[in-house]
Amino acid sequence: MKTQRLLALLAVVLCFSVRPAAADALVTGTVGWAFSGDLEQDHLSYGASIGFMGEGILGFEIEGTHTPDFFGETPGNNNVTTLMGNVILGAPLGAARIYASGGAGLMKLRVADVDEFFDIDRNDFGVNAGAGIMVFFGDNFGARGDIRYFRDVHESETGDFDVDFGGFHYWRGSFGLTLKF
């Protein structure tokens, strides 16, 4: 009976002494530009992300961006939209955090031809990698800037389970305002 009471007391003490894992939710709206790679000229892009970052160095985010007129001024609509899941490695430096991110997801390419003969509307698997900085001006509000490289990925021509980097690629720089919850 004494052993059971001691175990029960020990369990209660452990429950109240363990600190729950804390992660801040980060919501960011961004505006930026797509450049280089398969672009003849820079194009405006806009998007948003929702992420989770703890006190340590590891975090995660889901980031989506839309770039209208990606392939230039053509008759009809053309754009590139990405939706990526990324791992974030960030070094906290007081009110700032320098980070690197990388991940994979969907790259949707759309080029509408006026006569619909050469329409392109495809979903590709893609990867991205980049780096940036977040600076917070209080407990719940901050700014974020980063640069990322995007590239499509497809199955290799040999028919194996290997994958190859595709020929479609570009860079994107962006700036955004971040809310932390």
Protein backbone atom coordinates (compact mmCIF):
# COMPACT_ATOMS: atom_id res chain seq x y z
CA MET A 1 0.00 0.00 0.00
CA LYS A 2 2.86 2.37 0.81
CA THR A 3 4.43 1.67 -2.59
CA GLN A 4 1.17 2.48 -4.40
CA ARG A 5 0.83 5.80 -2.55
CA LEU A 6 4.44 6.64 -3.32
CA LEU A 7 3.92 5.82 -7.02
CA ALA A 8 0.71 7.89 -7.11
CA LEU A 9 2.48 10.83 -5.48
CA LEU A 10 5.38 10.49 -7.91
CA ALA A 11 2.95 10.44 -10.87
CA VAL A 12 1.21 13.61 -9.64
CA VAL A 13 4.54 15.38 -9.14
CA LEU A 14 5.69 14.37 -12.66
CA CYS A 15 2.46 15.60 -14.23
CA PHE A 16 2.82 19.04 -12.68
CA SER A 17 6.56 19.34 -13.27
CA VAL A 18 6.61 18.52 -16.98
CA ARG A 19 6.33 21.62 -19.12
CA PRO A 20 4.11 21.17 -22.19
CA ALA A 21 5.75 21.56 -25.60
CA ALA A 22 5.15 25.06 -26.90
CA ALA A 23 5.14 26.09 -30.51
CA ASP A 24 4.18 29.47 -31.87
CA ALA A 25 1.84 29.55 -34.84
CA LEU A 26 3.07 31.99 -37.50
CA VAL A 27 0.78 33.41 -40.18
CA THR A 28 2.48 35.47 -42.89
CA GLY A 29 1.14 37.31 -45.93
CA THR A 30 3.81 37.95 -48.58
CA VAL A 31 4.43 39.97 -51.70
CA GLY A 32 7.52 39.59 -53.84
CA TRP A 33 8.90 38.90 -57.25
CA ALA A 34 9.81 35.83 -59.29
CA PHE A 35 13.02 36.19 -61.28
CA SER A 36 15.79 34.39 -63.19
CA GLY A 37 15.57 30.78 -64.37
CA ASP A 38 12.77 30.36 -66.92
CA LEU A 39 11.64 33.98 -66.74
CA GLU A 40 12.46 36.59 -69.35
CA GLN A 41 11.55 39.37 -66.90
CA ASP A 42 10.66 39.67 -63.20
CA HIS A 43 7.03 39.15 -62.18
CA LEU A 44 5.03 40.07 -59.10
CA SER A 45 4.05 37.20 -56.82
CA TYR A 46 1.90 37.08 -53.71
CA GLY A 47 1.02 34.44 -51.19
CA ALA A 48 0.72 33.34 -47.60
CA SER A 49 2.11 30.78 -45.20
CA ILE A 50 1.16 29.21 -41.91
CA GLY A 51 3.93 27.74 -39.82
CA PHE A 52 4.85 26.45 -36.41
CA MET A 53 8.12 27.33 -34.71
CA GLY A 54 9.12 26.46 -31.17
CA GLU A 55 11.80 27.90 -28.96
CA GLY A 56 14.35 25.56 -30.55
CA ILE A 57 15.68 25.56 -34.09
CA LEU A 58 13.15 23.29 -35.83
CA GLY A 59 9.85 24.35 -37.40
CA PHE A 60 7.41 23.56 -40.21
CA GLU A 61 5.36 25.62 -42.64
CA ILE A 62 2.89 25.31 -45.47
CA GLU A 63 3.47 28.07 -48.02
CA GLY A 64 1.47 28.97 -51.12
CA THR A 65 2.30 31.58 -53.76
CA HIS A 66 0.69 32.73 -57.00
CA THR A 67 2.58 34.46 -59.81
CA PRO A 68 0.32 35.86 -62.55
CA ASP A 69 1.69 36.49 -66.07
CA PHE A 70 4.65 34.25 -65.26
CA PHE A 71 5.41 33.57 -68.92
CA GLY A 72 4.95 37.21 -69.96
CA GLU A 73 2.21 39.13 -71.68
CA THR A 74 0.52 36.47 -73.81
CA PRO A 75 -3.02 36.29 -75.11
CA GLY A 76 -4.95 34.36 -72.51
CA ASN A 77 -4.13 33.65 -68.91
CA ASN A 78 -0.80 32.26 -67.69
CA ASN A 79 0.50 31.76 -64.17
CA VAL A 80 2.43 29.55 -61.77
CA THR A 81 1.04 28.58 -58.38
CA THR A 82 2.99 26.69 -55.73
CA LEU A 83 1.89 24.95 -52.55
CA MET A 84 4.86 23.64 -50.55
CA GLY A 85 5.41 21.97 -47.21
CA ASN A 86 8.75 23.07 -45.74
CA VAL A 87 10.98 22.23 -42.81
CA ILE A 88 12.49 25.34 -41.19
CA LEU A 89 15.82 25.43 -39.35
CA GLY A 90 16.04 28.75 -37.54
CA ALA A 91 18.58 30.27 -35.20
CA PRO A 92 16.95 32.59 -32.65
CA LEU A 93 18.90 35.83 -32.19
CA GLY A 94 16.89 37.86 -29.69
CA ALA A 95 13.95 39.45 -31.52
CA ALA A 96 15.19 38.06 -34.87
CA ARG A 97 15.50 34.58 -36.30
CA ILE A 98 17.71 33.71 -39.27
CA TYR A 99 16.41 30.60 -41.00
CA ALA A 100 16.86 28.16 -43.85
CA SER A 101 13.93 26.25 -45.27
CA GLY A 102 13.37 23.50 -47.77
CA GLY A 103 10.59 21.23 -48.84
CA ALA A 104 8.41 19.83 -51.56
CA GLY A 105 4.92 20.11 -52.93
CA LEU A 106 2.79 21.11 -55.90
CA MET A 107 3.76 23.38 -58.80
CA LYS A 108 0.78 24.23 -61.02
CA LEU A 109 1.61 25.72 -64.42
CA ARG A 110 -1.09 27.28 -66.59
CA VAL A 111 -0.72 28.79 -70.04
CA ALA A 112 -4.03 29.37 -71.80
CA ASP A 113 -3.88 29.80 -75.56
CA VAL A 114 -6.56 31.92 -77.23
CA ASP A 115 -7.47 29.21 -79.72
CA GLU A 116 -6.98 26.48 -77.05
CA PHE A 117 -4.64 24.53 -79.35
CA PHE A 118 -1.55 24.89 -77.15
CA ASP A 119 -3.19 25.06 -73.70
CA ILE A 120 -0.95 23.93 -70.85
CA ASP A 121 -2.55 23.17 -67.50
CA ARG A 122 -0.45 20.75 -65.50
CA ASN A 123 0.41 19.87 -61.94
CA ASP A 124 4.04 18.99 -61.27
CA PHE A 125 5.84 17.83 -58.18
CA GLY A 126 8.35 20.47 -57.12
CA VAL A 127 11.00 21.28 -54.55
CA ASN A 128 12.19 24.53 -53.02
CA ALA A 129 15.01 25.73 -50.79
CA GLY A 130 15.85 29.12 -49.39
CA ALA A 131 16.92 31.33 -46.52
CA GLY A 132 15.67 34.44 -44.79
CA ILE A 133 15.13 36.40 -41.63
CA MET A 134 12.17 37.05 -39.32
CA VAL A 135 12.22 40.10 -37.05
CA PHE A 136 9.60 40.58 -34.33
CA PHE A 137 8.59 44.03 -33.04
CA GLY A 138 6.76 42.69 -30.00
CA ASP A 139 5.23 39.44 -28.86
CA ASN A 140 2.82 39.00 -31.77
CA PHE A 141 3.89 41.09 -34.77
CA GLY A 142 6.89 40.95 -37.09
CA ALA A 143 8.27 41.10 -40.62
CA ARG A 144 9.85 38.41 -42.74
CA GLY A 145 11.98 38.41 -45.85
CA ASP A 146 13.44 35.50 -47.79
CA ILE A 147 14.72 34.21 -51.11
CA ARG A 148 13.86 30.74 -52.45
CA TYR A 149 14.75 28.56 -55.41
CA PHE A 150 11.98 26.45 -57.05
CA ARG A 151 12.40 23.51 -59.42
CA ASP A 152 10.11 20.83 -60.81
CA VAL A 153 10.87 17.14 -60.31
CA HIS A 154 9.73 14.17 -62.37
CA GLU A 155 10.31 10.43 -62.71
CA SER A 156 13.46 9.49 -64.57
CA GLU A 157 13.30 8.36 -68.19
CA THR A 158 14.82 4.97 -67.30
CA GLY A 159 11.56 3.82 -65.71
CA ASP A 160 13.22 3.12 -62.36
CA PHE A 161 12.05 4.67 -59.14
CA ASP A 162 14.66 7.40 -59.59
CA VAL A 163 13.64 11.02 -59.95
CA ASP A 164 15.25 13.75 -62.03
CA PHE A 165 15.15 17.48 -61.72
CA GLY A 166 13.00 18.92 -64.48
CA GLY A 167 13.89 21.81 -66.72
CA PHE A 168 11.50 24.31 -65.14
CA HIS A 169 13.05 26.50 -62.43
CA TYR A 170 13.11 30.03 -61.02
CA TRP A 171 13.95 32.16 -57.96
CA ARG A 172 11.57 34.15 -55.78
CA GLY A 173 12.27 36.91 -53.28
CA SER A 174 9.51 38.00 -50.91
CA PHE A 175 8.69 40.23 -47.96
CA GLY A 176 5.78 39.82 -45.59
CA LEU A 177 4.13 40.72 -42.32
CA THR A 178 3.90 37.97 -39.70
CA LEU A 179 1.44 37.44 -36.87
CA LYS A 180 2.53 35.11 -34.07
CA PHE A 181 -0.03 33.29 -31.90
